[in-house]
């Protein structure tokens, strides 16, 4: 039996479907982040159902598709206003429709997603196969919609306005024609009956896939995928150059790639000292090394915020007031249930003076949080202006490692989690209870929503402080390394 999920697997990657049906043991179970996304989708689905009162849910469709399809037909015959998880079978294809809405002339198919305004093309495939199967059951489908989240919705009250929170986008004109779907179904049948197909390796497309480890198992360390775009990397592999060091020196189209090839070949860093000196000359004392930790509620927890908005609940700040001077550490961490941004703003204005350079790794993130708080919160004008002024004083510690300081241990990445082990290996995140931004978000959820003892709260808050402080101290150490390099 083919499900809509399996159909969309095929549209995304035929090998993924083949493995799922014929070699499932090689697939990895979803990690914590993926499972959290699945749980979030389930919760949003329940919220969406509440926008269609009087509906009836079809239970346990996957356990007994025939019975679920029969129950769906019975509910349709009764004329209920909406059916949740409506089940339909056609030629061994089984689909569950999130919400089947009764209309004067027929029924609407409504697919619910927990994503924002942008429509992933895979959603069109999802709705297309539903539309095909439902119509082949003799149902008059009036319209097909995607019900998703309006990330522009700005909540100004304590209660969420669900009519503004959800978007309903009509997809009728973008769905796959039935003839094309039938051709694809024939291709799927042939695919599943045949040998294991070749996959198309793509760094971004394969990221997070449950078949990633299996499909990439033969890709060597130091592969061309580390510095080249996926299409070019595949071409190089086809030419017998699977590793960066196999690429002929000076053969790339950009100086940056040629420098990286030389770094991989010699295992020696490439350092443009003149460029680093120019970057360092931009730093004006006092220096403020800033890092935010954020939560990202799908449903706004506080007024003056949007779905999925990155809300700062913590920051670390290392301050050096003069060349060669000692480093001071300041920090902020939310308490209670109130909007953490107000406390964050108060602490920022207390610790950061009107002059000097702010530094962050991938600084657009910190800059965006400052400008959002300045524009979104009902702050006195002088405070909003101070935050906006801060946002104009950033220098990004990531920039030098994108082109001017390349180290073989960075594996082609300027991410702080790659740069730090290369330049400051003694400063590690390994073994830390909170070791990345995702861990910090989970810690926020536990502190805000969980039922933790005082001791557990104290431990978690200590772990958060230690992690965030290390992020800014890491930037301090990287800048010191840049100074030493010139």
Protein backbone atom coordinates (compact mmCIF):
# COMPACT_ATOMS: atom_id res chain seq x y z
CA UNK A 1 0.00 0.00 0.00
CA UNK A 2 1.35 3.42 -0.98
CA UNK A 3 0.75 6.38 1.33
CA UNK A 4 0.94 10.08 0.58
CA UNK A 5 4.12 10.24 2.67
CA UNK A 6 5.70 7.55 0.51
CA UNK A 7 4.59 9.38 -2.63
CA UNK A 8 6.25 12.60 -1.44
CA UNK A 9 9.36 10.58 -0.52
CA UNK A 10 9.48 9.45 -4.14
CA UNK A 11 9.07 12.99 -5.44
CA UNK A 12 11.89 14.20 -3.21
CA UNK A 13 14.25 11.24 -3.74
CA UNK A 14 13.27 7.93 -5.41
CA UNK A 15 16.06 6.09 -3.57
CA UNK A 16 14.60 7.22 -0.23
CA UNK A 17 11.30 5.50 -1.08
CA UNK A 18 13.07 2.37 -2.33
CA UNK A 19 15.04 2.09 0.90
CA UNK A 20 11.93 2.69 3.01
CA UNK A 21 10.06 -0.10 1.26
CA UNK A 22 12.87 -2.59 0.61
CA UNK A 23 15.72 -1.89 3.05
CA UNK A 24 14.17 -0.10 5.99
CA UNK A 25 16.77 -1.36 8.46
CA UNK A 26 19.37 1.10 7.10
CA UNK A 27 17.25 4.14 7.98
CA UNK A 28 17.97 5.98 11.22
CA UNK A 29 15.13 6.82 13.64
CA UNK A 30 14.25 10.51 13.99
CA UNK A 31 16.49 12.42 16.38
CA UNK A 32 15.17 14.67 19.12
CA UNK A 33 14.93 17.72 16.85
CA UNK A 34 12.98 15.84 14.16
CA UNK A 35 10.69 14.26 16.75
CA UNK A 36 10.03 17.68 18.25
CA UNK A 37 9.05 18.96 14.80
CA UNK A 38 6.68 16.02 14.34
CA UNK A 39 5.10 16.66 17.74
CA UNK A 40 4.69 20.33 16.87
CA UNK A 41 2.95 19.40 13.62
CA UNK A 42 0.53 17.17 15.52
CA UNK A 43 -0.30 19.96 17.99
CA UNK A 44 -0.87 22.48 15.18
CA UNK A 45 -3.13 19.96 13.47
CA UNK A 46 -5.34 19.76 16.55
CA UNK A 47 -5.51 23.57 16.71
CA UNK A 48 -6.51 23.69 13.05
CA UNK A 49 -9.32 21.22 13.65
CA UNK A 50 -10.82 23.60 16.22
CA UNK A 51 -11.30 26.16 13.46
CA UNK A 52 -13.87 23.80 11.89
CA UNK A 53 -16.43 23.21 14.65
CA UNK A 54 -18.78 20.27 14.46
CA UNK A 55 -16.23 18.05 12.78
CA UNK A 56 -15.77 14.35 13.48
CA UNK A 57 -12.41 12.54 13.59
CA UNK A 58 -11.78 9.22 11.86
CA UNK A 59 -9.82 7.13 14.34
CA UNK A 60 -6.76 4.91 13.78
CA UNK A 61 -6.85 5.10 10.00
CA UNK A 62 -3.49 3.40 9.53
CA UNK A 63 -4.39 0.44 11.71
CA UNK A 64 -7.36 -0.48 9.52
CA UNK A 65 -7.52 1.53 6.27
CA UNK A 66 -10.59 -0.30 4.99
CA UNK A 67 -12.58 0.44 8.15
CA UNK A 68 -11.38 4.05 8.19
CA UNK A 69 -12.43 4.56 4.58
CA UNK A 70 -15.84 3.06 5.36
CA UNK A 71 -16.27 5.36 8.35
CA UNK A 72 -15.33 8.33 6.16
CA UNK A 73 -18.00 7.41 3.60
CA UNK A 74 -20.58 7.09 6.36
CA UNK A 75 -19.69 10.51 7.81
CA UNK A 76 -19.88 12.09 4.34
CA UNK A 77 -23.29 10.55 3.78
CA UNK A 78 -24.43 12.10 7.08
CA UNK A 79 -23.28 15.49 5.82
CA UNK A 80 -21.09 16.37 8.79
CA UNK A 81 -19.51 19.83 8.36
CA UNK A 82 -15.94 18.55 8.57
CA UNK A 83 -14.10 15.25 8.83
CA UNK A 84 -10.68 15.12 10.49
CA UNK A 85 -8.21 12.54 9.14
CA UNK A 86 -10.66 11.50 6.42
CA UNK A 87 -9.49 8.21 4.87
CA UNK A 88 -9.58 7.24 1.18
CA UNK A 89 -8.34 4.18 -0.73
CA UNK A 90 -7.83 3.87 -4.48
CA UNK A 91 -5.88 1.10 -6.26
CA UNK A 92 -3.75 0.36 -3.19
CA UNK A 93 -3.06 4.05 -2.53
CA UNK A 94 -4.13 5.26 0.89
CA UNK A 95 -4.39 8.88 1.99
CA UNK A 96 -5.55 10.64 5.11
CA UNK A 97 -6.91 14.14 4.55
CA UNK A 98 -6.19 16.41 7.52
CA UNK A 99 -9.53 18.21 7.17
CA UNK A 100 -12.27 17.44 4.66
CA UNK A 101 -14.69 20.39 4.76
CA UNK A 102 -18.27 20.19 3.48
CA UNK A 103 -19.25 22.91 1.01
CA UNK A 104 -22.58 23.62 -0.74
CA UNK A 105 -21.23 22.03 -3.90
CA UNK A 106 -18.91 19.33 -2.61
CA UNK A 107 -15.88 19.13 -0.34
CA UNK A 108 -12.68 21.05 0.30
CA UNK A 109 -9.38 19.30 0.97
CA UNK A 110 -7.37 21.11 3.65
CA UNK A 111 -3.80 20.05 4.36
CA UNK A 112 -2.41 21.45 7.63
CA UNK A 113 1.27 22.28 8.03
CA UNK A 114 3.11 23.83 10.95
CA UNK A 115 5.38 25.76 8.60
CA UNK A 116 5.33 29.49 7.90
CA UNK A 117 4.29 31.55 4.89
CA UNK A 118 6.66 29.99 2.36
CA UNK A 119 5.19 26.96 0.60
CA UNK A 120 7.56 24.04 0.19
CA UNK A 121 7.07 22.39 -3.25
CA UNK A 122 6.72 19.03 -1.48
CA UNK A 123 3.45 20.31 0.00
CA UNK A 124 2.03 20.60 -3.52
CA UNK A 125 2.93 16.95 -4.12
CA UNK A 126 1.26 16.04 -0.83
CA UNK A 127 -2.00 17.78 -1.72
CA UNK A 128 -1.86 16.59 -5.34
CA UNK A 129 -1.92 12.90 -4.40
CA UNK A 130 -4.74 13.54 -1.93
CA UNK A 131 -6.76 15.35 -4.59
CA UNK A 132 -6.20 12.48 -7.02
CA UNK A 133 -7.26 9.71 -4.64
CA UNK A 134 -10.26 11.62 -3.25
CA UNK A 135 -11.52 12.51 -6.73
CA UNK A 136 -11.07 8.91 -7.92
CA UNK A 137 -13.43 7.94 -5.10
CA UNK A 138 -16.14 9.94 -6.86
CA UNK A 139 -15.97 12.89 -4.47
CA UNK A 140 -16.59 16.35 -5.88
CA UNK A 141 -13.52 18.31 -4.75
CA UNK A 142 -14.33 22.01 -4.87
CA UNK A 143 -10.98 23.43 -3.72
CA UNK A 144 -7.69 22.32 -2.20
CA UNK A 145 -6.05 24.44 0.48
CA UNK A 146 -2.88 24.56 2.50
CA UNK A 147 -3.57 25.72 6.04
CA UNK A 148 -0.32 27.03 7.52
CA UNK A 149 1.01 29.66 9.89
CA UNK A 150 1.05 33.39 9.24
CA UNK A 151 4.50 34.39 10.46
CA UNK A 152 3.56 38.04 9.84
CA UNK A 153 0.80 37.87 12.45
CA UNK A 154 1.76 40.30 15.24
CA UNK A 155 0.01 39.45 18.48
CA UNK A 156 -0.94 42.54 20.47
CA UNK A 157 -3.27 40.90 23.00
CA UNK A 158 -2.87 38.14 25.57
CA UNK A 159 -5.07 35.79 23.52
CA UNK A 160 -4.13 34.50 20.08
CA UNK A 161 -6.44 35.49 17.21
CA UNK A 162 -6.65 32.22 15.32
CA UNK A 163 -8.25 33.86 12.30
CA UNK A 164 -5.00 35.81 11.92
CA UNK A 165 -2.67 33.06 13.11
CA UNK A 166 -3.63 30.63 10.33
CA UNK A 167 -3.33 31.25 6.61
CA UNK A 168 -5.40 29.33 4.10
CA UNK A 169 -3.78 29.28 0.66
CA UNK A 170 -5.68 27.88 -2.32
CA UNK A 171 -3.54 25.50 -4.38
CA UNK A 172 -5.94 24.41 -7.16
CA UNK A 173 -3.94 25.87 -10.06
CA UNK A 174 -0.62 24.46 -8.81
CA UNK A 175 -1.56 20.80 -8.37
CA UNK A 176 -0.13 18.01 -10.50
CA UNK A 177 -2.49 16.85 -13.32
CA UNK A 178 -3.96 13.39 -12.86
CA UNK A 179 -2.30 12.01 -16.02
CA UNK A 180 1.11 13.01 -14.68
CA UNK A 181 0.35 11.45 -11.29
CA UNK A 182 -0.67 8.18 -12.98
CA UNK A 183 2.60 8.16 -14.91
CA UNK A 184 4.51 8.70 -11.67
CA UNK A 185 2.59 5.90 -9.94
CA UNK A 186 3.61 3.54 -12.77
CA UNK A 187 7.23 4.65 -12.31
CA UNK A 188 6.99 4.01 -8.57
CA UNK A 189 5.70 0.49 -9.17
CA UNK A 190 8.59 -0.22 -11.52
CA UNK A 191 11.10 1.37 -9.12
CA UNK A 192 10.02 -0.71 -6.13
CA UNK A 193 10.19 -3.94 -8.11
CA UNK A 194 13.71 -3.21 -9.35
CA UNK A 195 17.20 -3.13 -7.81
CA UNK A 196 18.41 -0.42 -5.45
CA UNK A 197 18.67 2.82 -7.46
CA UNK A 198 21.47 5.33 -7.41
CA UNK A 199 20.87 8.38 -5.25
CA UNK A 200 21.76 11.98 -5.96
CA UNK A 201 23.97 13.32 -3.18
CA UNK A 202 23.15 16.86 -2.14
CA UNK A 203 24.53 18.54 0.99
CA UNK A 204 21.40 20.54 1.70
CA UNK A 205 18.83 18.16 0.28
CA UNK A 206 20.20 15.16 2.18
CA UNK A 207 20.62 17.00 5.49
CA UNK A 208 18.33 15.49 8.11
CA UNK A 209 17.23 12.59 5.89
CA UNK A 210 16.87 9.27 7.69
CA UNK A 211 18.87 7.65 4.87
CA UNK A 212 21.75 10.16 5.10
CA UNK A 213 24.25 7.95 6.92
CA UNK A 214 23.61 5.04 4.58
CA UNK A 215 23.80 7.04 1.35
CA UNK A 216 26.91 8.97 2.41
CA UNK A 217 28.75 6.03 3.98
CA UNK A 218 31.37 5.83 1.23
CA UNK A 219 32.06 9.56 0.99
CA UNK A 220 35.62 10.03 2.29
CA UNK A 221 36.80 12.48 4.92
CA UNK A 222 37.88 15.69 3.25
CA UNK A 223 35.49 15.12 0.35
CA UNK A 224 34.82 17.71 -2.32
CA UNK A 225 31.38 18.24 -0.77
CA UNK A 226 33.07 20.14 2.06
CA UNK A 227 33.98 23.17 -0.05
CA UNK A 228 32.17 22.83 -3.39
CA UNK A 229 28.50 23.17 -4.21
CA UNK A 230 26.82 19.79 -4.53
CA UNK A 231 26.48 19.81 -8.32
CA UNK A 232 30.15 20.65 -8.81
CA UNK A 233 31.14 18.12 -6.15
CA UNK A 234 29.25 15.38 -7.98
CA UNK A 235 31.00 16.33 -11.24
CA UNK A 236 34.41 16.18 -9.58
CA UNK A 237 33.63 12.77 -8.08
CA UNK A 238 32.57 11.50 -11.52
CA UNK A 239 35.97 12.67 -12.81
CA UNK A 240 37.76 10.60 -10.18
CA UNK A 241 38.38 13.38 -7.67
CA UNK A 242 36.43 12.45 -4.51
CA UNK A 243 38.64 14.46 -2.11
CA UNK A 244 39.55 18.14 -2.15
CA UNK A 245 43.25 17.28 -2.24
CA UNK A 246 42.65 15.44 -5.53
CA UNK A 247 41.64 18.67 -7.28
CA UNK A 248 44.52 20.17 -9.35
CA UNK A 249 46.00 23.34 -7.79
CA UNK A 250 44.79 26.57 -9.34
CA UNK A 251 42.03 24.86 -11.34
CA UNK A 252 39.05 26.43 -9.53
CA UNK A 253 37.11 29.46 -10.73
CA UNK A 254 37.60 31.55 -7.57
CA UNK A 255 40.61 32.47 -5.46
CA UNK A 256 38.77 31.31 -2.34
CA UNK A 257 38.31 27.77 -3.70
CA UNK A 258 41.90 27.65 -4.91
CA UNK A 259 43.07 28.69 -1.46
CA UNK A 260 40.95 25.96 0.11
CA UNK A 261 42.37 23.34 -2.27
CA UNK A 262 45.88 24.38 -1.26
CA UNK A 263 44.95 24.19 2.44
CA UNK A 264 43.64 20.64 2.00
CA UNK A 265 46.70 19.60 -0.05
CA UNK A 266 49.33 21.03 2.28
CA UNK A 267 47.40 20.70 5.56
CA UNK A 268 48.65 24.22 6.33
CA UNK A 269 46.47 27.28 7.05
CA UNK A 270 46.02 30.04 4.51
CA UNK A 271 46.33 33.45 6.19
CA UNK A 272 45.87 36.80 4.43
CA UNK A 273 47.54 38.97 7.05
CA UNK A 274 46.82 42.25 5.30
CA UNK A 275 43.09 41.48 5.11
CA UNK A 276 43.05 40.41 8.77
CA UNK A 277 44.83 43.62 9.78
CA UNK A 278 42.16 45.64 7.95
CA UNK A 279 39.41 43.71 9.72
CA UNK A 280 41.03 44.20 13.13
CA UNK A 281 41.46 47.91 12.46
CA UNK A 282 37.66 48.24 12.45
CA UNK A 283 37.46 47.31 16.14
CA UNK A 284 36.99 50.36 18.36
CA UNK A 285 37.24 50.11 22.15
CA UNK A 286 35.51 49.25 24.32
CA UNK A 287 34.79 45.87 22.71
CA UNK A 288 31.54 44.07 23.53
CA UNK A 289 31.35 40.38 22.59
CA UNK A 290 27.63 39.54 22.55
CA UNK A 291 25.69 36.29 22.12
CA UNK A 292 21.93 35.75 22.48
CA UNK A 293 20.14 32.52 23.26
CA UNK A 294 16.57 32.46 22.02
CA UNK A 295 13.35 30.50 22.20
CA UNK A 296 11.09 30.21 19.17
CA UNK A 297 7.46 29.64 20.18
CA UNK A 298 5.18 28.59 17.33
CA UNK A 299 2.23 30.13 19.18
CA UNK A 300 3.25 33.50 20.65
CA UNK A 301 3.68 33.34 24.41
CA UNK A 302 3.68 37.11 24.89
CA UNK A 303 2.20 40.21 23.37
CA UNK A 304 4.18 42.07 20.70
CA UNK A 305 5.57 38.91 19.11
CA UNK A 306 5.02 36.70 16.07
CA UNK A 307 4.83 32.95 15.44
CA UNK A 308 8.29 31.41 15.22
CA UNK A 309 9.94 34.67 16.23
CA UNK A 310 13.35 34.30 17.86
CA UNK A 311 12.82 35.71 21.36
CA UNK A 312 16.00 36.42 23.38
CA UNK A 313 15.79 34.92 26.86
CA UNK A 314 19.50 35.05 27.68
CA UNK A 315 22.70 36.78 26.69
CA UNK A 316 26.39 36.64 27.53
CA UNK A 317 28.63 39.67 27.20
CA UNK A 318 32.41 39.88 27.47
CA UNK A 319 33.77 43.43 27.63
CA UNK A 320 37.32 44.65 27.00
CA UNK A 321 37.57 48.37 27.64
CA UNK A 322 41.07 49.04 26.29
CA UNK A 323 43.79 47.26 24.30
CA UNK A 324 45.36 44.56 26.44
CA UNK A 325 42.83 45.19 29.19
CA UNK A 326 41.13 42.59 31.33
CA UNK A 327 37.86 41.03 30.24
CA UNK A 328 34.70 41.62 32.24
CA UNK A 329 31.76 39.24 31.99
CA UNK A 330 28.11 40.28 32.21
CA UNK A 331 25.03 38.19 31.58
CA UNK A 332 21.24 38.04 31.61
CA UNK A 333 18.94 35.04 32.04
CA UNK A 334 15.15 35.18 32.22
CA UNK A 335 13.12 34.30 35.31
CA UNK A 336 9.43 33.55 35.72
CA UNK A 337 6.75 33.72 33.04
CA UNK A 338 7.03 37.33 31.92
CA UNK A 339 8.28 38.40 28.49
CA UNK A 340 12.07 38.00 28.81
CA UNK A 341 12.79 40.74 26.28
CA UNK A 342 12.05 43.58 28.69
CA UNK A 343 14.64 42.32 31.17
CA UNK A 344 17.02 41.70 28.30
CA UNK A 345 16.69 45.29 27.06
CA UNK A 346 17.19 46.70 30.54
CA UNK A 347 20.38 44.66 31.02
CA UNK A 348 21.75 45.52 27.57
CA UNK A 349 21.29 49.25 28.19
CA UNK A 350 22.94 48.92 31.58
CA UNK A 351 26.02 47.04 30.37
CA UNK A 352 26.68 48.41 26.86
CA UNK A 353 27.86 52.00 26.56
CA UNK A 354 27.18 54.45 23.71
CA UNK A 355 30.56 53.92 22.01
CA UNK A 356 32.68 50.95 21.00
CA UNK A 357 32.33 47.87 18.77
CA UNK A 358 29.91 45.01 19.30
CA UNK A 359 31.13 41.62 18.07
CA UNK A 360 29.16 38.48 17.29
CA UNK A 361 29.71 35.37 15.18
CA UNK A 362 27.18 35.54 12.32
CA UNK A 363 26.27 38.98 13.61
CA UNK A 364 23.09 39.35 11.54
CA UNK A 365 21.38 37.19 14.16
CA UNK A 366 22.21 39.50 17.09
CA UNK A 367 21.54 42.60 14.99
CA UNK A 368 18.10 41.30 14.03
CA UNK A 369 17.17 40.60 17.65
CA UNK A 370 18.11 44.17 18.65
CA UNK A 371 16.16 45.77 15.82
CA UNK A 372 13.12 43.55 16.46
CA UNK A 373 13.05 44.50 20.14
CA UNK A 374 13.43 48.18 19.21
CA UNK A 375 10.54 48.05 16.74
CA UNK A 376 8.21 45.54 18.43
CA UNK A 377 8.28 46.39 22.11
CA UNK A 378 6.49 49.44 23.61
CA UNK A 379 9.72 51.00 24.82
CA UNK A 380 10.47 54.65 25.55
CA UNK A 381 11.85 56.27 22.37
CA UNK A 382 15.31 56.75 23.85
CA UNK A 383 15.59 53.02 24.59
CA UNK A 384 14.45 52.03 21.10
CA UNK A 385 16.93 54.45 19.56
CA UNK A 386 19.73 53.08 21.76
CA UNK A 387 19.03 49.51 20.60
CA UNK A 388 18.99 50.58 16.95
CA UNK A 389 22.26 52.45 17.46
CA UNK A 390 23.80 49.29 18.96
CA UNK A 391 22.75 47.27 15.92
CA UNK A 392 24.83 49.58 13.69
CA UNK A 393 28.03 48.98 15.66
CA UNK A 394 28.53 45.27 14.95
CA UNK A 395 31.57 43.62 13.45
CA UNK A 396 31.14 39.95 12.50
CA UNK A 397 33.79 37.53 13.81
CA UNK A 398 32.70 35.04 11.14
CA UNK A 399 33.90 37.20 8.23
CA UNK A 400 37.67 36.56 8.57
CA UNK A 401 37.14 32.80 8.54
CA UNK A 402 35.14 32.84 5.34
CA UNK A 403 38.05 33.86 3.14
CA UNK A 404 41.09 35.30 4.94
CA UNK A 405 41.92 32.64 7.55
CA UNK A 406 41.36 29.09 6.30
CA UNK A 407 42.42 26.14 8.40
CA UNK A 408 42.33 22.47 7.30
CA UNK A 409 40.49 21.45 10.49
CA UNK A 410 37.64 23.87 9.69
CA UNK A 411 36.45 21.45 6.94
CA UNK A 412 35.42 24.33 4.72
CA UNK A 413 33.12 25.93 7.30
CA UNK A 414 33.27 29.29 9.10
CA UNK A 415 30.84 28.14 11.79
CA UNK A 416 32.14 28.78 15.29
CA UNK A 417 31.65 25.08 16.07
CA UNK A 418 34.19 24.31 13.30
CA UNK A 419 36.53 27.28 13.73
CA UNK A 420 36.96 26.95 17.50
CA UNK A 421 38.28 23.34 17.53
CA UNK A 422 40.69 24.28 14.74
CA UNK A 423 42.18 27.34 16.42
CA UNK A 424 41.43 26.85 20.13
CA UNK A 425 41.10 23.07 20.59
CA UNK A 426 41.40 23.31 24.35
CA UNK A 427 38.10 25.25 24.48
CA UNK A 428 35.58 22.52 23.71
CA UNK A 429 31.82 22.03 23.93
CA UNK A 430 32.18 18.26 24.22
CA UNK A 431 30.65 16.86 27.37
CA UNK A 432 28.72 20.03 28.19
CA UNK A 433 25.08 19.34 29.21
CA UNK A 434 24.06 22.22 26.95
CA UNK A 435 26.30 22.30 23.89
CA UNK A 436 24.38 24.10 21.15
CA UNK A 437 21.48 26.45 20.48
CA UNK A 438 18.99 23.60 20.17
CA UNK A 439 19.93 22.37 23.63
CA UNK A 440 19.46 25.90 24.97
CA UNK A 441 15.97 26.10 23.44
CA UNK A 442 15.06 22.78 25.04
CA UNK A 443 16.35 24.06 28.38
CA UNK A 444 14.13 27.13 28.07
CA UNK A 445 11.11 24.90 27.43
CA UNK A 446 11.90 22.81 30.49
CA UNK A 447 12.29 25.89 32.69
CA UNK A 448 9.21 27.66 31.33
CA UNK A 449 6.78 24.76 30.89
CA UNK A 450 8.26 21.94 32.97
CA UNK A 451 7.63 20.84 36.52
CA UNK A 452 11.21 20.95 37.79
CA UNK A 453 12.38 20.90 41.36
CA UNK A 454 14.35 23.87 42.64
CA UNK A 455 17.54 21.84 42.41
CA UNK A 456 16.81 20.85 38.81
CA UNK A 457 16.05 24.44 37.88
CA UNK A 458 19.26 25.65 39.49
CA UNK A 459 21.30 23.03 37.63
CA UNK A 460 19.70 23.84 34.28
CA UNK A 461 20.17 27.58 34.75
CA UNK A 462 23.83 26.99 35.64
CA UNK A 463 24.28 24.88 32.50
CA UNK A 464 22.70 27.63 30.38
CA UNK A 465 24.99 30.28 31.88
CA UNK A 466 28.06 28.17 31.30
CA UNK A 467 27.15 27.46 27.66
CA UNK A 468 26.29 31.04 26.72
CA UNK A 469 29.39 32.39 28.47
CA UNK A 470 31.55 29.98 26.50
CA UNK A 471 30.07 31.27 23.23
CA UNK A 472 31.29 34.80 23.90
CA UNK A 473 34.60 33.67 25.43
CA UNK A 474 35.13 31.63 22.24
CA UNK A 475 34.84 34.82 20.19
CA UNK A 476 37.34 36.53 22.50
CA UNK A 477 39.82 33.72 21.92
CA UNK A 478 39.32 33.73 18.16
CA UNK A 479 40.01 37.47 17.94
CA UNK A 480 43.11 36.98 20.06
CA UNK A 481 44.25 34.30 17.61
CA UNK A 482 43.70 36.68 14.72
CA UNK A 483 45.80 39.34 16.46
CA UNK A 484 48.57 36.82 17.05
CA UNK A 485 48.48 35.69 13.40
CA UNK A 486 49.48 39.12 12.08
